[in-house]
Amino acid sequence: MVKGIARRVVVVKSPDPKVFDEAIFLVREETGRGPGVTTERLLKEAQAVAESFARSQRERRLPHLPWWAFSLMGAGGVGAAWLLTLLF
């Protein structure tokens, strides 16, 4: 936390609470002074960025498998390696 400096902040709730709770954007002072920059446009842009990030995280997430499924896959891989070693 910086004391003595006022900052413009945009807080956006998460579209997917499993990824993050909320996104906090710090807005530069000169951003609001430009032509065509409104509060609504700034908020929509922040929401679009948060949605894009949440969507990318959902796509990258591994399927939730139980621990024993990963154990079986590992054992199968080791068994296949041993089989190939013995055959060749």
Protein backbone atom coordinates (compact mmCIF):
# COMPACT_ATOMS: atom_id res chain seq x y z
CA MET A 1 0.00 0.00 0.00
CA VAL A 2 1.32 3.41 -0.99
CA LYS A 3 0.46 6.23 1.39
CA GLY A 4 -0.24 9.77 0.25
CA ILE A 5 -1.10 8.95 -3.38
CA ALA A 6 -4.62 8.64 -4.73
CA ARG A 7 -5.00 6.00 -7.43
CA ARG A 8 -7.87 5.29 -9.80
CA VAL A 9 -8.91 1.67 -9.45
CA VAL A 10 -11.32 -0.57 -11.36
CA VAL A 11 -12.46 -3.71 -9.52
CA VAL A 12 -14.13 -6.45 -11.57
CA LYS A 13 -15.81 -9.52 -10.09
CA SER A 14 -14.71 -12.85 -11.52
CA PRO A 15 -16.84 -14.56 -14.17
CA ASP A 16 -15.53 -17.88 -12.79
CA PRO A 17 -14.89 -17.90 -9.01
CA LYS A 18 -12.81 -21.07 -9.34
CA VAL A 19 -10.12 -19.10 -11.19
CA PHE A 20 -10.02 -15.83 -9.16
CA ASP A 21 -12.27 -13.79 -6.88
CA GLU A 22 -11.81 -10.35 -8.36
CA ALA A 23 -9.45 -8.45 -10.64
CA ILE A 24 -8.05 -5.06 -9.62
CA PHE A 25 -6.87 -2.72 -12.38
CA LEU A 26 -4.84 0.41 -11.56
CA VAL A 27 -5.72 3.10 -14.10
CA ARG A 28 -3.21 5.77 -15.13
CA GLU A 29 -4.14 9.38 -14.53
CA GLU A 30 -3.79 10.37 -18.21
CA THR A 31 -6.12 7.56 -19.34
CA GLY A 32 -9.31 9.33 -18.31
CA ARG A 33 -8.35 12.60 -19.99
CA GLY A 34 -8.23 11.27 -23.56
CA PRO A 35 -11.04 11.73 -26.06
CA GLY A 36 -13.64 8.97 -26.13
CA VAL A 37 -12.58 7.40 -22.83
CA THR A 38 -15.59 7.04 -20.58
CA THR A 39 -16.07 5.21 -17.32
CA GLU A 40 -18.37 2.71 -19.01
CA ARG A 41 -15.80 1.95 -21.71
CA LEU A 42 -13.07 1.51 -19.10
CA LEU A 43 -15.27 -0.87 -17.11
CA LYS A 44 -16.23 -2.90 -20.21
CA GLU A 45 -12.58 -3.24 -21.21
CA ALA A 46 -11.63 -4.46 -17.72
CA GLN A 47 -14.49 -6.98 -17.77
CA ALA A 48 -13.39 -8.23 -21.20
CA VAL A 49 -9.81 -8.73 -19.99
CA ALA A 50 -10.98 -10.59 -16.88
CA GLU A 51 -13.28 -12.82 -18.96
CA SER A 52 -10.51 -13.57 -21.45
CA PHE A 53 -8.12 -14.56 -18.65
CA ALA A 54 -10.70 -16.77 -16.95
CA ARG A 55 -11.53 -18.47 -20.27
CA SER A 56 -7.85 -19.17 -20.98
CA GLN A 57 -7.40 -20.68 -17.52
CA ARG A 58 -10.44 -22.95 -17.93
CA GLU A 59 -9.06 -24.25 -21.23
CA ARG A 60 -5.64 -25.01 -19.73
CA ARG A 61 -6.94 -26.80 -16.67
CA LEU A 62 -6.33 -30.55 -16.51
CA PRO A 63 -9.35 -32.76 -16.01
CA HIS A 64 -9.92 -33.59 -12.38
CA LEU A 65 -9.00 -37.23 -11.99
CA PRO A 66 -8.69 -39.16 -8.74
CA TRP A 67 -5.20 -39.93 -7.42
CA TRP A 68 -5.49 -43.59 -8.29
CA ALA A 69 -6.06 -42.81 -11.99
CA PHE A 70 -2.71 -41.02 -12.15
CA SER A 71 -1.12 -43.96 -10.32
CA LEU A 72 -2.52 -46.39 -12.90
CA MET A 73 -1.25 -44.25 -15.76
CA GLY A 74 2.21 -44.09 -14.19
CA ALA A 75 2.29 -47.84 -13.54
CA GLY A 76 1.17 -48.50 -17.09
CA GLY A 77 3.95 -46.29 -18.43
CA VAL A 78 6.57 -48.07 -16.32
CA GLY A 79 5.20 -51.47 -17.38
CA ALA A 80 5.32 -50.49 -21.05
CA ALA A 81 8.92 -49.28 -20.66
CA TRP A 82 9.93 -52.59 -19.06
CA LEU A 83 8.15 -54.55 -21.78
CA LEU A 84 9.94 -52.61 -24.51
CA THR A 85 13.26 -53.09 -22.71
CA LEU A 86 12.76 -56.86 -22.51
CA LEU A 87 11.63 -57.18 -26.13
CA PHE A 88 14.47 -55.21 -27.69
